[in-house]
Amino acid sequence: QVTTLALEGEDGPLSLGPVGVASDHAGAWYVATKDSLLHVSAAGRVRRVAALPASDDSYTVAASPDGSAVFVADYSSHKIRRV
């Protein structure tokens, strides 16, 4: 099943380019944009959880199995960041 959410940020609807996404055990999503890590609740509410170094490369995101951490692969810096 595919579901499309109309995401609303603090400043209105979000327009996203290429992004990295991961889901957690609670049904929420983490979305890495070119400069932010966003948390999207199951209800579609969006909040910024971390600033990322601005990059033209897309980030890859993974959530830990127990939901205690989110990992972001930063290709341009050759690092994996734990959030």
Protein backbone atom coordinates (compact mmCIF):
# COMPACT_ATOMS: atom_id res chain seq x y z
CA GLN A 1 0.00 0.00 0.00
CA VAL A 2 1.29 3.45 -0.90
CA THR A 3 0.20 6.51 1.06
CA THR A 4 0.88 10.10 0.09
CA LEU A 5 1.03 12.69 2.85
CA ALA A 6 0.71 16.42 2.24
CA LEU A 7 3.45 17.57 4.58
CA GLU A 8 3.01 20.82 6.45
CA GLY A 9 6.03 22.46 8.02
CA GLU A 10 6.08 25.44 10.37
CA ASP A 11 6.14 27.78 7.36
CA GLY A 12 3.56 25.96 5.22
CA PRO A 13 3.70 23.06 2.75
CA LEU A 14 7.09 21.45 2.23
CA SER A 15 8.66 21.17 -1.19
CA LEU A 16 11.41 18.56 -1.13
CA GLY A 17 13.99 17.62 -3.73
CA PRO A 18 15.96 14.36 -3.54
CA VAL A 19 15.88 13.13 0.05
CA GLY A 20 16.90 10.18 2.20
CA VAL A 21 14.12 8.55 4.20
CA ALA A 22 13.80 5.97 6.97
CA SER A 23 10.93 4.84 9.18
CA ASP A 24 10.97 3.97 12.86
CA HIS A 25 9.09 1.35 14.88
CA ALA A 26 6.36 3.87 15.80
CA GLY A 27 5.37 4.58 12.20
CA ALA A 28 7.12 7.93 11.95
CA TRP A 29 9.51 8.89 9.17
CA TYR A 30 12.86 10.66 9.15
CA VAL A 31 13.62 12.72 6.07
CA ALA A 32 17.08 14.11 5.30
CA THR A 33 16.99 17.16 3.05
CA LYS A 34 20.06 18.99 1.78
CA ASP A 35 20.46 20.79 5.14
CA SER A 36 18.08 19.29 7.73
CA LEU A 37 16.88 16.08 9.32
CA LEU A 38 13.09 16.19 9.67
CA HIS A 39 10.81 13.98 11.77
CA VAL A 40 7.42 13.30 10.18
CA SER A 41 4.84 11.85 12.57
CA ALA A 42 2.34 9.24 11.43
CA ALA A 43 -0.20 12.10 11.33
CA GLY A 44 1.99 14.09 8.93
CA ARG A 45 3.30 16.71 11.37
CA VAL A 46 6.83 17.80 10.54
CA ARG A 47 9.52 19.06 12.90
CA ARG A 48 13.21 19.69 12.36
CA VAL A 49 15.32 17.51 14.65
CA ALA A 50 18.81 18.40 13.43
CA ALA A 51 20.69 20.75 11.17
CA LEU A 52 22.93 19.04 8.63
CA PRO A 53 25.86 20.59 6.78
CA ALA A 54 24.47 22.07 3.56
CA SER A 55 25.29 19.72 0.72
CA ASP A 56 24.47 19.20 -2.94
CA ASP A 57 24.72 15.45 -2.28
CA SER A 58 21.72 13.63 -0.85
CA TYR A 59 21.97 12.00 2.56
CA THR A 60 21.07 8.40 3.43
CA VAL A 61 19.16 7.82 6.66
CA ALA A 62 18.66 4.76 8.88
CA ALA A 63 16.80 4.37 12.17
CA SER A 64 18.06 1.95 14.81
CA PRO A 65 15.81 -1.09 15.40
CA ASP A 66 14.84 0.07 18.89
CA GLY A 67 14.20 3.66 17.75
CA SER A 68 16.83 5.14 20.06
CA ALA A 69 18.94 6.73 17.32
CA VAL A 70 18.92 7.89 13.73
CA PHE A 71 22.02 7.66 11.55
CA VAL A 72 22.76 9.95 8.63
CA ALA A 73 25.41 9.08 6.05
CA ASP A 74 27.20 12.28 5.04
CA TYR A 75 28.93 11.38 1.78
CA SER A 76 30.67 14.70 1.23
CA SER A 77 32.36 14.56 4.67
CA HIS A 78 32.86 10.77 4.65
CA LYS A 79 31.10 10.49 8.04
CA ILE A 80 28.13 8.76 9.60
CA ARG A 81 26.36 11.05 12.05
CA ARG A 82 24.29 9.76 14.95
CA VAL A 83 21.32 11.95 15.85
